Amino acid sequence: MDKTSLIAINKWMFFVFNFSGDFIDKVWADNPSLVNHLKSKFNSLYNHYGSYGVIPAFYGELDMNNRMKMMQWVMDNYNDEQKLKFND
């Protein structure tokens, strides 16, 4: 597997378990009416799945355009992951 894929998977996994409570506001800042809808959906899923299961469930509820938007935002903005070390 190439480094870019490994970095993306690592970043996503750390985000899944360490997301900030305002990520919906940040990802969809350009669409305030959608923010309210997505927060409602997220909160309902959080109540059902808890903190460890909410992001996969939320992601599964999004349409493809919003999945892409969320993934791009994570790749561009989430930087709290433990960095991988490659032996090149």
N, C-alpha and C. Protein backbone atom coordinates (compact mmCIF):
# COMPACT_ATOMS: atom_id res chain seq x y z
N MET A 1 0.86 -1.18 0.00
CA MET A 1 0.00 0.00 0.00
C MET A 1 0.90 1.24 0.00
N ASP A 2 0.51 2.26 -0.74
CA ASP A 2 1.34 3.45 -0.85
C ASP A 2 1.20 4.34 0.40
N LYS A 3 2.17 5.22 0.60
CA LYS A 3 2.21 6.09 1.79
C LYS A 3 0.99 6.99 1.88
N THR A 4 0.55 7.52 0.76
CA THR A 4 -0.59 8.43 0.77
C THR A 4 -1.84 7.74 1.31
N SER A 5 -2.06 6.51 0.91
CA SER A 5 -3.21 5.74 1.40
C SER A 5 -3.09 5.48 2.89
N LEU A 6 -1.90 5.09 3.33
CA LEU A 6 -1.68 4.82 4.75
C LEU A 6 -1.89 6.07 5.59
N ILE A 7 -1.40 7.19 5.12
CA ILE A 7 -1.58 8.46 5.83
C ILE A 7 -3.06 8.82 5.91
N ALA A 8 -3.79 8.65 4.82
CA ALA A 8 -5.22 8.96 4.80
C ALA A 8 -6.01 8.07 5.76
N ILE A 9 -5.71 6.79 5.75
CA ILE A 9 -6.41 5.86 6.65
C ILE A 9 -6.10 6.21 8.10
N ASN A 10 -4.85 6.47 8.40
CA ASN A 10 -4.45 6.82 9.76
C ASN A 10 -5.15 8.09 10.23
N LYS A 11 -5.16 9.11 9.37
CA LYS A 11 -5.80 10.38 9.71
C LYS A 11 -7.29 10.17 9.96
N TRP A 12 -7.94 9.42 9.09
CA TRP A 12 -9.38 9.15 9.24
C TRP A 12 -9.67 8.42 10.55
N MET A 13 -8.87 7.40 10.87
CA MET A 13 -9.11 6.61 12.08
C MET A 13 -8.95 7.47 13.33
N PHE A 14 -7.94 8.32 13.36
CA PHE A 14 -7.78 9.20 14.52
C PHE A 14 -8.94 10.19 14.61
N PHE A 15 -9.40 10.69 13.48
CA PHE A 15 -10.56 11.58 13.48
C PHE A 15 -11.79 10.87 14.03
N VAL A 16 -12.04 9.63 13.61
CA VAL A 16 -13.21 8.86 14.05
C VAL A 16 -13.28 8.81 15.58
N PHE A 17 -12.14 8.65 16.23
CA PHE A 17 -12.13 8.50 17.68
C PHE A 17 -11.81 9.78 18.45
N ASN A 18 -11.51 10.87 17.73
CA ASN A 18 -11.12 12.12 18.40
C ASN A 18 -11.73 13.36 17.75
N PHE A 19 -12.88 13.23 17.13
CA PHE A 19 -13.50 14.36 16.43
C PHE A 19 -13.86 15.46 17.42
N SER A 20 -13.85 16.70 16.94
CA SER A 20 -14.28 17.83 17.76
C SER A 20 -15.78 18.03 17.59
N GLY A 21 -16.40 18.56 18.60
CA GLY A 21 -17.85 18.74 18.58
C GLY A 21 -18.35 19.73 17.55
N ASP A 22 -17.46 20.54 17.00
CA ASP A 22 -17.89 21.56 16.04
C ASP A 22 -17.50 21.22 14.59
N PHE A 23 -17.13 19.96 14.34
CA PHE A 23 -16.67 19.63 12.99
C PHE A 23 -17.77 19.82 11.95
N ILE A 24 -19.02 19.59 12.28
CA ILE A 24 -20.10 19.79 11.30
C ILE A 24 -20.18 21.26 10.90
N ASP A 25 -20.07 22.16 11.89
CA ASP A 25 -20.08 23.60 11.58
C ASP A 25 -18.94 23.96 10.64
N LYS A 26 -17.80 23.34 10.83
CA LYS A 26 -16.63 23.66 10.01
C LYS A 26 -16.72 23.06 8.61
N VAL A 27 -17.12 21.80 8.53
CA VAL A 27 -17.19 21.13 7.22
C VAL A 27 -18.22 21.80 6.32
N TRP A 28 -19.39 22.12 6.87
CA TRP A 28 -20.48 22.66 6.06
C TRP A 28 -20.73 24.13 6.37
N ALA A 29 -19.66 24.87 6.67
CA ALA A 29 -19.78 26.30 6.98
C ALA A 29 -20.44 27.09 5.85
N ASP A 30 -20.32 26.60 4.64
CA ASP A 30 -20.89 27.29 3.47
C ASP A 30 -22.38 27.02 3.30
N ASN A 31 -22.97 26.20 4.18
CA ASN A 31 -24.38 25.84 4.03
C ASN A 31 -25.05 25.74 5.42
N PRO A 32 -25.33 26.90 6.06
CA PRO A 32 -25.87 26.89 7.42
C PRO A 32 -27.18 26.11 7.58
N SER A 33 -28.03 26.09 6.58
CA SER A 33 -29.28 25.34 6.71
C SER A 33 -29.02 23.83 6.76
N LEU A 34 -28.02 23.37 6.04
CA LEU A 34 -27.65 21.97 6.08
C LEU A 34 -27.00 21.61 7.42
N VAL A 35 -26.26 22.55 8.01
CA VAL A 35 -25.62 22.33 9.30
C VAL A 35 -26.65 21.89 10.34
N ASN A 36 -27.74 22.60 10.42
CA ASN A 36 -28.78 22.26 11.41
C ASN A 36 -29.33 20.86 11.18
N HIS A 37 -29.58 20.53 9.94
CA HIS A 37 -30.10 19.19 9.60
C HIS A 37 -29.09 18.11 9.98
N LEU A 38 -27.82 18.34 9.64
CA LEU A 38 -26.79 17.34 9.91
C LEU A 38 -26.50 17.20 11.41
N LYS A 39 -26.57 18.30 12.14
CA LYS A 39 -26.39 18.22 13.60
C LYS A 39 -27.50 17.40 14.23
N SER A 40 -28.72 17.59 13.77
CA SER A 40 -29.84 16.81 14.28
C SER A 40 -29.64 15.33 14.00
N LYS A 41 -29.22 15.01 12.78
CA LYS A 41 -28.95 13.63 12.38
C LYS A 41 -27.82 13.06 13.24
N PHE A 42 -26.74 13.83 13.39
CA PHE A 42 -25.59 13.39 14.17
C PHE A 42 -25.98 13.11 15.62
N ASN A 43 -26.73 14.02 16.23
CA ASN A 43 -27.13 13.85 17.63
C ASN A 43 -27.99 12.61 17.82
N SER A 44 -28.88 12.36 16.90
CA SER A 44 -29.70 11.15 16.97
C SER A 44 -28.83 9.90 16.88
N LEU A 45 -27.88 9.90 15.95
CA LEU A 45 -26.98 8.76 15.80
C LEU A 45 -26.07 8.61 17.02
N TYR A 46 -25.63 9.73 17.58
CA TYR A 46 -24.78 9.69 18.77
C TYR A 46 -25.52 9.02 19.93
N ASN A 47 -26.79 9.38 20.09
CA ASN A 47 -27.58 8.78 21.16
C ASN A 47 -27.72 7.27 20.99
N HIS A 48 -27.72 6.82 19.76
CA HIS A 48 -27.88 5.39 19.48
C HIS A 48 -26.54 4.64 19.51
N TYR A 49 -25.50 5.21 18.89
CA TYR A 49 -24.23 4.50 18.71
C TYR A 49 -23.12 4.91 19.68
N GLY A 50 -23.27 6.06 20.32
CA GLY A 50 -22.22 6.54 21.23
C GLY A 50 -21.03 7.10 20.48
N SER A 51 -20.02 7.53 21.23
CA SER A 51 -18.89 8.23 20.63
C SER A 51 -18.06 7.36 19.69
N TYR A 52 -17.95 6.06 19.96
CA TYR A 52 -17.13 5.20 19.10
C TYR A 52 -17.81 4.81 17.80
N GLY A 53 -19.12 4.85 17.75
CA GLY A 53 -19.82 4.41 16.55
C GLY A 53 -20.49 5.50 15.75
N VAL A 54 -20.51 6.71 16.27
CA VAL A 54 -21.29 7.76 15.63
C VAL A 54 -20.72 8.20 14.28
N ILE A 55 -19.41 8.33 14.15
CA ILE A 55 -18.85 8.82 12.88
C ILE A 55 -19.08 7.82 11.75
N PRO A 56 -18.82 6.53 11.93
CA PRO A 56 -19.14 5.60 10.83
C PRO A 56 -20.63 5.61 10.48
N ALA A 57 -21.50 5.69 11.48
CA ALA A 57 -22.94 5.74 11.21
C ALA A 57 -23.31 7.03 10.49
N PHE A 58 -22.77 8.15 10.94
CA PHE A 58 -23.04 9.45 10.33
C PHE A 58 -22.56 9.46 8.88
N TYR A 59 -21.35 8.99 8.66
CA TYR A 59 -20.79 8.92 7.31
C TYR A 59 -21.69 8.08 6.40
N GLY A 60 -22.19 6.98 6.93
CA GLY A 60 -23.06 6.10 6.15
C GLY A 60 -24.38 6.74 5.78
N GLU A 61 -24.81 7.73 6.54
CA GLU A 61 -26.08 8.42 6.27
C GLU A 61 -25.93 9.55 5.25
N LEU A 62 -24.69 9.97 4.97
CA LEU A 62 -24.47 11.08 4.04
C LEU A 62 -24.57 10.61 2.59
N ASP A 63 -24.97 11.53 1.71
CA ASP A 63 -24.90 11.21 0.29
C ASP A 63 -23.45 11.33 -0.17
N MET A 64 -23.17 10.88 -1.38
CA MET A 64 -21.78 10.82 -1.85
C MET A 64 -21.10 12.18 -1.85
N ASN A 65 -21.80 13.22 -2.27
CA ASN A 65 -21.19 14.56 -2.30
C ASN A 65 -20.77 15.00 -0.90
N ASN A 66 -21.62 14.75 0.09
CA ASN A 66 -21.29 15.16 1.45
C ASN A 66 -20.26 14.24 2.09
N ARG A 67 -20.21 12.99 1.68
CA ARG A 67 -19.12 12.12 2.14
C ARG A 67 -17.79 12.65 1.63
N MET A 68 -17.75 12.99 0.35
CA MET A 68 -16.53 13.52 -0.24
C MET A 68 -16.11 14.82 0.45
N LYS A 69 -17.08 15.67 0.73
CA LYS A 69 -16.80 16.94 1.39
C LYS A 69 -16.21 16.70 2.78
N MET A 70 -16.79 15.76 3.52
CA MET A 70 -16.30 15.45 4.85
C MET A 70 -14.88 14.85 4.80
N MET A 71 -14.67 13.90 3.90
CA MET A 71 -13.34 13.30 3.78
C MET A 71 -12.30 14.34 3.39
N GLN A 72 -12.64 15.22 2.45
CA GLN A 72 -11.69 16.25 2.02
C GLN A 72 -11.37 17.19 3.17
N TRP A 73 -12.39 17.54 3.95
CA TRP A 73 -12.17 18.42 5.10
C TRP A 73 -11.23 17.75 6.12
N VAL A 74 -11.46 16.49 6.40
CA VAL A 74 -10.59 15.76 7.34
C VAL A 74 -9.16 15.76 6.83
N MET A 75 -8.97 15.44 5.56
CA MET A 75 -7.62 15.39 4.99
C MET A 75 -6.94 16.77 5.03
N ASP A 76 -7.70 17.82 4.82
CA ASP A 76 -7.13 19.17 4.76
C ASP A 76 -6.97 19.83 6.12
N ASN A 77 -7.80 19.45 7.10
CA ASN A 77 -7.89 20.23 8.34
C ASN A 77 -7.61 19.47 9.62
N TYR A 78 -7.80 18.17 9.63
CA TYR A 78 -7.58 17.41 10.86
C TYR A 78 -6.10 17.04 10.96
N ASN A 79 -5.45 17.48 12.04
CA ASN A 79 -4.01 17.26 12.18
C ASN A 79 -3.62 16.73 13.55
N ASP A 80 -4.57 16.17 14.27
CA ASP A 80 -4.29 15.67 15.61
C ASP A 80 -3.96 14.18 15.64
N GLU A 81 -3.77 13.58 14.49
CA GLU A 81 -3.45 12.16 14.46
C GLU A 81 -2.00 11.92 14.88
N GLN A 82 -1.74 10.72 15.35
CA GLN A 82 -0.36 10.31 15.62
C GLN A 82 0.28 10.03 14.26
N LYS A 83 1.35 10.73 13.96
CA LYS A 83 1.97 10.63 12.64
C LYS A 83 2.65 9.27 12.46
N LEU A 84 2.54 8.73 11.27
CA LEU A 84 3.21 7.48 10.93
C LEU A 84 4.68 7.73 10.67
N LYS A 85 5.50 6.73 10.96
CA LYS A 85 6.93 6.82 10.69
C LYS A 85 7.27 5.76 9.66
N PHE A 86 7.82 6.22 8.55
CA PHE A 86 8.17 5.30 7.46
C PHE A 86 9.68 5.09 7.45
N ASN A 87 10.10 3.88 7.17
CA ASN A 87 11.51 3.55 7.04
C ASN A 87 11.88 3.53 5.56
N ASP A 88 12.27 4.68 5.06
CA ASP A 88 12.65 4.77 3.64
C ASP A 88 14.14 4.67 3.51
